[in-house]
Amino acid sequence: LDARRHEVMKAVMMNAADKIQDRGDGLMLG
C-alpha cells in the first residue's frame, strides 16, 4: 500500500523525467 503514497508519486515522476537525450548507449538512462 506504500505505492499509494503521494510522496512516492512525486519522487517517481521527478526521477523519471527527461533531461538529456540518450545516445543509444544507455549512459543517460534511455
PDB file of all heavy atoms in Angstrom:
ATOM      1  N   LEU A   1       0.811  -1.214   0.000  1.00  0.00           N
ATOM      2  CA  LEU A   1       0.000   0.000   0.000  1.00  0.00           C
ATOM      3  C   LEU A   1       0.845   1.266   0.000  1.00  0.00           C
ATOM      4  O   LEU A   1       0.321   2.360  -0.232  1.00  0.00           O
ATOM      5  CB  LEU A   1      -0.960   0.001   1.192  1.00  0.00           C
ATOM      6  CG  LEU A   1      -2.062  -1.063   1.152  1.00  0.00           C
ATOM      7  CD1 LEU A   1      -2.920  -0.976   2.408  1.00  0.00           C
ATOM      8  CD2 LEU A   1      -2.936  -0.902  -0.095  1.00  0.00           C
ATOM      9  N   ASP A   2       2.152   1.130   0.248  1.00  0.00           N
ATOM     10  CA  ASP A   2       3.036   2.293   0.134  1.00  0.00           C
ATOM     11  C   ASP A   2       2.999   2.877  -1.270  1.00  0.00           C
ATOM     12  O   ASP A   2       3.321   4.060  -1.452  1.00  0.00           O
ATOM     13  CB  ASP A   2       4.481   1.897   0.470  1.00  0.00           C
ATOM     14  CG  ASP A   2       4.681   1.598   1.941  1.00  0.00           C
ATOM     15  OD1 ASP A   2       3.845   2.023   2.764  1.00  0.00           O
ATOM     16  OD2 ASP A   2       5.675   0.919   2.276  1.00  0.00           O
ATOM     17  N   ALA A   3       2.623   2.078  -2.257  1.00  0.00           N
ATOM     18  CA  ALA A   3       2.532   2.562  -3.639  1.00  0.00           C
ATOM     19  C   ALA A   3       1.517   3.682  -3.787  1.00  0.00           C
ATOM     20  O   ALA A   3       1.559   4.434  -4.775  1.00  0.00           O
ATOM     21  CB  ALA A   3       2.187   1.405  -4.577  1.00  0.00           C
ATOM     22  N   ARG A   4       0.600   3.799  -2.841  1.00  0.00           N
ATOM     23  CA  ARG A   4      -0.426   4.846  -2.911  1.00  0.00           C
ATOM     24  C   ARG A   4       0.016   6.159  -2.257  1.00  0.00           C
ATOM     25  O   ARG A   4      -0.729   7.141  -2.302  1.00  0.00           O
ATOM     26  CB  ARG A   4      -1.708   4.345  -2.241  1.00  0.00           C
ATOM     27  CG  ARG A   4      -2.348   3.174  -2.980  1.00  0.00           C
ATOM     28  CD  ARG A   4      -3.602   2.688  -2.277  1.00  0.00           C
ATOM     29  NE  ARG A   4      -4.223   1.581  -3.006  1.00  0.00           N
ATOM     30  CZ  ARG A   4      -5.248   0.872  -2.553  1.00  0.00           C
ATOM     31  NH1 ARG A   4      -5.756   1.145  -1.355  1.00  0.00           N
ATOM     32  NH2 ARG A   4      -5.750  -0.112  -3.276  1.00  0.00           N
ATOM     33  N   ARG A   5       1.184   6.188  -1.668  1.00  0.00           N
ATOM     34  CA  ARG A   5       1.634   7.394  -1.002  1.00  0.00           C
ATOM     35  C   ARG A   5       1.931   8.498  -2.019  1.00  0.00           C
ATOM     36  O   ARG A   5       2.550   8.269  -3.057  1.00  0.00           O
ATOM     37  CB  ARG A   5       2.892   7.112  -0.182  1.00  0.00           C
ATOM     38  CG  ARG A   5       2.687   6.219   1.018  1.00  0.00           C
ATOM     39  CD  ARG A   5       1.746   6.824   2.031  1.00  0.00           C
ATOM     40  NE  ARG A   5       2.108   8.202   2.399  1.00  0.00           N
ATOM     41  CZ  ARG A   5       1.407   8.936   3.270  1.00  0.00           C
ATOM     42  NH1 ARG A   5       0.315   8.435   3.841  1.00  0.00           N
ATOM     43  NH2 ARG A   5       1.784  10.161   3.558  1.00  0.00           N
ATOM     44  N   HIS A   6       1.493   9.712  -1.690  1.00  0.00           N
ATOM     45  CA  HIS A   6       1.708  10.833  -2.603  1.00  0.00           C
ATOM     46  C   HIS A   6       3.191  11.170  -2.736  1.00  0.00           C
ATOM     47  O   HIS A   6       3.639  11.616  -3.800  1.00  0.00           O
ATOM     48  CB  HIS A   6       0.920  12.065  -2.139  1.00  0.00           C
ATOM     49  CG  HIS A   6       1.354  12.617  -0.821  1.00  0.00           C
ATOM     50  ND1 HIS A   6       0.951  12.094   0.390  1.00  0.00           N
ATOM     51  CD2 HIS A   6       2.173  13.658  -0.520  1.00  0.00           C
ATOM     52  CE1 HIS A   6       1.489  12.786   1.372  1.00  0.00           C
ATOM     53  NE2 HIS A   6       2.244  13.744   0.852  1.00  0.00           N
ATOM     54  N   GLU A   7       3.982  10.948  -1.671  1.00  0.00           N
ATOM     55  CA  GLU A   7       5.416  11.203  -1.776  1.00  0.00           C
ATOM     56  C   GLU A   7       6.074  10.273  -2.805  1.00  0.00           C
ATOM     57  O   GLU A   7       7.021  10.662  -3.488  1.00  0.00           O
ATOM     58  CB  GLU A   7       6.106  11.000  -0.419  1.00  0.00           C
ATOM     59  CG  GLU A   7       5.572  11.892   0.695  1.00  0.00           C
ATOM     60  CD  GLU A   7       4.602  11.145   1.592  1.00  0.00           C
ATOM     61  OE1 GLU A   7       3.746  10.402   1.036  1.00  0.00           O
ATOM     62  OE2 GLU A   7       4.682  11.296   2.810  1.00  0.00           O
ATOM     63  N   VAL A   8       5.562   9.035  -2.903  1.00  0.00           N
ATOM     64  CA  VAL A   8       6.098   8.086  -3.886  1.00  0.00           C
ATOM     65  C   VAL A   8       5.812   8.574  -5.297  1.00  0.00           C
ATOM     66  O   VAL A   8       6.688   8.541  -6.173  1.00  0.00           O
ATOM     67  CB  VAL A   8       5.513   6.678  -3.648  1.00  0.00           C
ATOM     68  CG1 VAL A   8       5.877   5.736  -4.796  1.00  0.00           C
ATOM     69  CG2 VAL A   8       6.002   6.113  -2.320  1.00  0.00           C
ATOM     70  N   MET A   9       4.592   9.051  -5.543  1.00  0.00           N
ATOM     71  CA  MET A   9       4.254   9.573  -6.869  1.00  0.00           C
ATOM     72  C   MET A   9       5.158  10.745  -7.235  1.00  0.00           C
ATOM     73  O   MET A   9       5.635  10.861  -8.369  1.00  0.00           O
ATOM     74  CB  MET A   9       2.794  10.021  -6.905  1.00  0.00           C
ATOM     75  CG  MET A   9       1.781   8.897  -6.874  1.00  0.00           C
ATOM     76  SD  MET A   9       1.777   7.913  -8.399  1.00  0.00           S
ATOM     77  CE  MET A   9       2.927   6.608  -7.967  1.00  0.00           C
ATOM     78  N   LYS A  10       5.399  11.607  -6.291  1.00  0.00           N
ATOM     79  CA  LYS A  10       6.243  12.776  -6.520  1.00  0.00           C
ATOM     80  C   LYS A  10       7.665  12.352  -6.874  1.00  0.00           C
ATOM     81  O   LYS A  10       8.245  12.809  -7.880  1.00  0.00           O
ATOM     82  CB  LYS A  10       6.228  13.646  -5.268  1.00  0.00           C
ATOM     83  CG  LYS A  10       7.018  14.943  -5.357  1.00  0.00           C
ATOM     84  CD  LYS A  10       6.823  15.744  -4.067  1.00  0.00           C
ATOM     85  CE  LYS A  10       7.589  17.056  -4.085  1.00  0.00           C
ATOM     86  NZ  LYS A  10       7.354  17.846  -2.840  1.00  0.00           N
ATOM     87  N   ALA A  11       8.242  11.462  -6.064  1.00  0.00           N
ATOM     88  CA  ALA A  11       9.614  11.016  -6.309  1.00  0.00           C
ATOM     89  C   ALA A  11       9.738  10.260  -7.628  1.00  0.00           C
ATOM     90  O   ALA A  11      10.706  10.434  -8.375  1.00  0.00           O
ATOM     91  CB  ALA A  11      10.090  10.142  -5.151  1.00  0.00           C
ATOM     92  N   VAL A  12       8.755   9.423  -7.949  1.00  0.00           N
ATOM     93  CA  VAL A  12       8.791   8.611  -9.170  1.00  0.00           C
ATOM     94  C   VAL A  12       8.780   9.483 -10.416  1.00  0.00           C
ATOM     95  O   VAL A  12       9.623   9.327 -11.314  1.00  0.00           O
ATOM     96  CB  VAL A  12       7.614   7.617  -9.178  1.00  0.00           C
ATOM     97  CG1 VAL A  12       7.322   7.120 -10.590  1.00  0.00           C
ATOM     98  CG2 VAL A  12       7.904   6.439  -8.257  1.00  0.00           C
ATOM     99  N   MET A  13       7.821  10.398 -10.511  1.00  0.00           N
ATOM    100  CA  MET A  13       7.709  11.214 -11.726  1.00  0.00           C
ATOM    101  C   MET A  13       8.886  12.160 -11.881  1.00  0.00           C
ATOM    102  O   MET A  13       9.367  12.392 -12.996  1.00  0.00           O
ATOM    103  CB  MET A  13       6.380  11.981 -11.727  1.00  0.00           C
ATOM    104  CG  MET A  13       5.169  11.093 -11.926  1.00  0.00           C
ATOM    105  SD  MET A  13       3.617  12.018 -12.160  1.00  0.00           S
ATOM    106  CE  MET A  13       3.379  12.696 -10.522  1.00  0.00           C
ATOM    107  N   MET A  14       9.371  12.707 -10.775  1.00  0.00           N
ATOM    108  CA  MET A  14      10.518  13.611 -10.852  1.00  0.00           C
ATOM    109  C   MET A  14      11.787  12.853 -11.244  1.00  0.00           C
ATOM    110  O   MET A  14      12.604  13.348 -12.013  1.00  0.00           O
ATOM    111  CB  MET A  14      10.703  14.342  -9.530  1.00  0.00           C
ATOM    112  CG  MET A  14       9.609  15.333  -9.208  1.00  0.00           C
ATOM    113  SD  MET A  14       9.823  16.199  -7.630  1.00  0.00           S
ATOM    114  CE  MET A  14      11.229  17.248  -8.002  1.00  0.00           C
ATOM    115  N   ASN A  15      11.942  11.633 -10.726  1.00  0.00           N
ATOM    116  CA  ASN A  15      13.165  10.899 -11.031  1.00  0.00           C
ATOM    117  C   ASN A  15      13.184  10.363 -12.450  1.00  0.00           C
ATOM    118  O   ASN A  15      14.252  10.185 -13.049  1.00  0.00           O
ATOM    119  CB  ASN A  15      13.358   9.747 -10.042  1.00  0.00           C
ATOM    120  CG  ASN A  15      14.805   9.340  -9.912  1.00  0.00           C
ATOM    121  OD1 ASN A  15      15.645  10.149  -9.524  1.00  0.00           O
ATOM    122  ND2 ASN A  15      15.129   8.102 -10.266  1.00  0.00           N
ATOM    123  N   ALA A  16      12.002  10.095 -13.013  1.00  0.00           N
ATOM    124  CA  ALA A  16      11.911   9.540 -14.363  1.00  0.00           C
ATOM    125  C   ALA A  16      11.938  10.613 -15.453  1.00  0.00           C
ATOM    126  O   ALA A  16      11.891  10.285 -16.641  1.00  0.00           O
ATOM    127  CB  ALA A  16      10.633   8.708 -14.491  1.00  0.00           C
ATOM    128  N   ALA A  17      12.014  11.872 -15.071  1.00  0.00           N
ATOM    129  CA  ALA A  17      11.927  12.965 -16.039  1.00  0.00           C
ATOM    130  C   ALA A  17      13.074  12.931 -17.042  1.00  0.00           C
ATOM    131  O   ALA A  17      14.179  12.498 -16.734  1.00  0.00           O
ATOM    132  CB  ALA A  17      11.927  14.304 -15.300  1.00  0.00           C
ATOM    133  N   ASP A  18      12.772  13.403 -18.254  1.00  0.00           N
ATOM    134  CA  ASP A  18      13.793  13.550 -19.303  1.00  0.00           C
ATOM    135  C   ASP A  18      14.660  14.769 -19.034  1.00  0.00           C
ATOM    136  O   ASP A  18      14.145  15.865 -18.768  1.00  0.00           O
ATOM    137  CB  ASP A  18      13.127  13.740 -20.668  1.00  0.00           C
ATOM    138  CG  ASP A  18      12.757  12.434 -21.337  1.00  0.00           C
ATOM    139  OD1 ASP A  18      13.439  11.421 -21.082  1.00  0.00           O
ATOM    140  OD2 ASP A  18      11.801  12.420 -22.125  1.00  0.00           O
ATOM    141  N   LYS A  19      15.992  14.596 -19.149  1.00  0.00           N
ATOM    142  CA  LYS A  19      16.932  15.708 -19.044  1.00  0.00           C
ATOM    143  C   LYS A  19      17.771  15.839 -20.316  1.00  0.00           C
ATOM    144  O   LYS A  19      17.738  16.865 -20.993  1.00  0.00           O
ATOM    145  CB  LYS A  19      17.873  15.519 -17.848  1.00  0.00           C
ATOM    146  CG  LYS A  19      17.249  15.652 -16.481  1.00  0.00           C
ATOM    147  CD  LYS A  19      18.324  15.468 -15.426  1.00  0.00           C
ATOM    148  CE  LYS A  19      17.797  15.634 -14.025  1.00  0.00           C
ATOM    149  NZ  LYS A  19      16.858  14.554 -13.638  1.00  0.00           N
ATOM    150  N   ILE A  20      18.524  14.781 -20.606  1.00  0.00           N
ATOM    151  CA  ILE A  20      19.464  14.783 -21.719  1.00  0.00           C
ATOM    152  C   ILE A  20      19.189  13.550 -22.594  1.00  0.00           C
ATOM    153  O   ILE A  20      19.165  12.427 -22.079  1.00  0.00           O
ATOM    154  CB  ILE A  20      20.931  14.738 -21.226  1.00  0.00           C
ATOM    155  CG1 ILE A  20      21.214  15.909 -20.273  1.00  0.00           C
ATOM    156  CG2 ILE A  20      21.891  14.750 -22.401  1.00  0.00           C
ATOM    157  CD1 ILE A  20      21.154  17.279 -20.920  1.00  0.00           C
ATOM    158  N   GLN A  21      19.002  13.758 -23.875  1.00  0.00           N
ATOM    159  CA  GLN A  21      18.685  12.637 -24.764  1.00  0.00           C
ATOM    160  C   GLN A  21      19.827  11.621 -24.778  1.00  0.00           C
ATOM    161  O   GLN A  21      20.997  11.963 -24.950  1.00  0.00           O
ATOM    162  CB  GLN A  21      18.414  13.130 -26.179  1.00  0.00           C
ATOM    163  CG  GLN A  21      17.953  12.017 -27.118  1.00  0.00           C
ATOM    164  CD  GLN A  21      17.480  12.565 -28.454  1.00  0.00           C
ATOM    165  OE1 GLN A  21      17.595  13.754 -28.727  1.00  0.00           O
ATOM    166  NE2 GLN A  21      16.935  11.702 -29.284  1.00  0.00           N
ATOM    167  N   ASP A  22      19.460  10.368 -24.582  1.00  0.00           N
ATOM    168  CA  ASP A  22      20.445   9.291 -24.583  1.00  0.00           C
ATOM    169  C   ASP A  22      20.940   9.031 -26.008  1.00  0.00           C
ATOM    170  O   ASP A  22      20.177   9.091 -26.975  1.00  0.00           O
ATOM    171  CB  ASP A  22      19.802   8.019 -24.017  1.00  0.00           C
ATOM    172  CG  ASP A  22      20.803   6.933 -23.700  1.00  0.00           C
ATOM    173  OD1 ASP A  22      21.129   6.146 -24.611  1.00  0.00           O
ATOM    174  OD2 ASP A  22      21.267   6.875 -22.561  1.00  0.00           O
ATOM    175  N   ARG A  23      22.226   8.735 -26.131  1.00  0.00           N
ATOM    176  CA  ARG A  23      22.827   8.487 -27.451  1.00  0.00           C
ATOM    177  C   ARG A  23      22.614   7.058 -27.933  1.00  0.00           C
ATOM    178  O   ARG A  23      23.086   6.686 -29.008  1.00  0.00           O
ATOM    179  CB  ARG A  23      24.324   8.786 -27.399  1.00  0.00           C
ATOM    180  CG  ARG A  23      24.666  10.237 -27.121  1.00  0.00           C
ATOM    181  CD  ARG A  23      26.171  10.477 -27.185  1.00  0.00           C
ATOM    182  NE  ARG A  23      26.860   9.743 -26.140  1.00  0.00           N
ATOM    183  CZ  ARG A  23      27.127  10.242 -24.936  1.00  0.00           C
ATOM    184  NH1 ARG A  23      26.738  11.480 -24.630  1.00  0.00           N
ATOM    185  NH2 ARG A  23      27.764   9.519 -24.022  1.00  0.00           N
ATOM    186  N   GLY A  24      21.922   6.265 -27.147  1.00  0.00           N
ATOM    187  CA  GLY A  24      21.700   4.879 -27.508  1.00  0.00           C
ATOM    188  C   GLY A  24      22.580   3.912 -26.750  1.00  0.00           C
ATOM    189  O   GLY A  24      22.435   2.692 -26.895  1.00  0.00           O
ATOM    190  N   ASP A  25      23.471   4.428 -25.907  1.00  0.00           N
ATOM    191  CA  ASP A  25      24.363   3.564 -25.138  1.00  0.00           C
ATOM    192  C   ASP A  25      23.894   3.369 -23.697  1.00  0.00           C
ATOM    193  O   ASP A  25      24.527   2.666 -22.916  1.00  0.00           O
ATOM    194  CB  ASP A  25      25.786   4.112 -25.141  1.00  0.00           C
ATOM    195  CG  ASP A  25      25.870   5.564 -24.666  1.00  0.00           C
ATOM    196  OD1 ASP A  25      24.885   6.068 -24.089  1.00  0.00           O
ATOM    197  OD2 ASP A  25      26.928   6.205 -24.903  1.00  0.00           O
ATOM    198  N   GLY A  26      22.774   4.008 -23.337  1.00  0.00           N
ATOM    199  CA  GLY A  26      22.213   3.846 -22.004  1.00  0.00           C
ATOM    200  C   GLY A  26      22.878   4.661 -20.921  1.00  0.00           C
ATOM    201  O   GLY A  26      22.449   4.625 -19.765  1.00  0.00           O
ATOM    202  N   LEU A  27      23.912   5.435 -21.270  1.00  0.00           N
ATOM    203  CA  LEU A  27      24.634   6.191 -20.249  1.00  0.00           C
ATOM    204  C   LEU A  27      23.798   7.332 -19.683  1.00  0.00           C
ATOM    205  O   LEU A  27      24.047   7.806 -18.571  1.00  0.00           O
ATOM    206  CB  LEU A  27      25.952   6.724 -20.810  1.00  0.00           C
ATOM    207  CG  LEU A  27      26.955   5.664 -21.285  1.00  0.00           C
ATOM    208  CD1 LEU A  27      28.251   6.322 -21.753  1.00  0.00           C
ATOM    209  CD2 LEU A  27      27.233   4.643 -20.178  1.00  0.00           C
ATOM    210  N   MET A  28      22.796   7.784 -20.455  1.00  0.00           N
ATOM    211  CA  MET A  28      21.859   8.804 -19.979  1.00  0.00           C
ATOM    212  C   MET A  28      20.511   8.171 -19.639  1.00  0.00           C
ATOM    213  O   MET A  28      19.459   8.810 -19.744  1.00  0.00           O
ATOM    214  CB  MET A  28      21.690   9.919 -21.018  1.00  0.00           C
ATOM    215  CG  MET A  28      22.908  10.807 -21.161  1.00  0.00           C
ATOM    216  SD  MET A  28      23.220  11.748 -19.652  1.00  0.00           S
ATOM    217  CE  MET A  28      24.719  12.629 -20.124  1.00  0.00           C
ATOM    218  N   LEU A  29      20.549   6.899 -19.269  1.00  0.00           N
ATOM    219  CA  LEU A  29      19.383   6.188 -18.733  1.00  0.00           C
ATOM    220  C   LEU A  29      18.226   6.104 -19.713  1.00  0.00           C
ATOM    221  O   LEU A  29      17.061   6.019 -19.311  1.00  0.00           O
ATOM    222  CB  LEU A  29      18.928   6.840 -17.411  1.00  0.00           C
ATOM    223  CG  LEU A  29      20.025   7.057 -16.367  1.00  0.00           C
ATOM    224  CD1 LEU A  29      19.466   7.749 -15.141  1.00  0.00           C
ATOM    225  CD2 LEU A  29      20.683   5.737 -15.989  1.00  0.00           C
ATOM    226  N   GLY A  30      18.529   6.141 -21.005  1.00  0.00           N
ATOM    227  CA  GLY A  30      17.495   5.988 -22.022  1.00  0.00           C
ATOM    228  C   GLY A  30      16.572   7.174 -22.192  1.00  0.00           C
ATOM    229  O   GLY A  30      15.485   7.050 -22.773  1.00  0.00           O
TER     230      GLY A  30
END
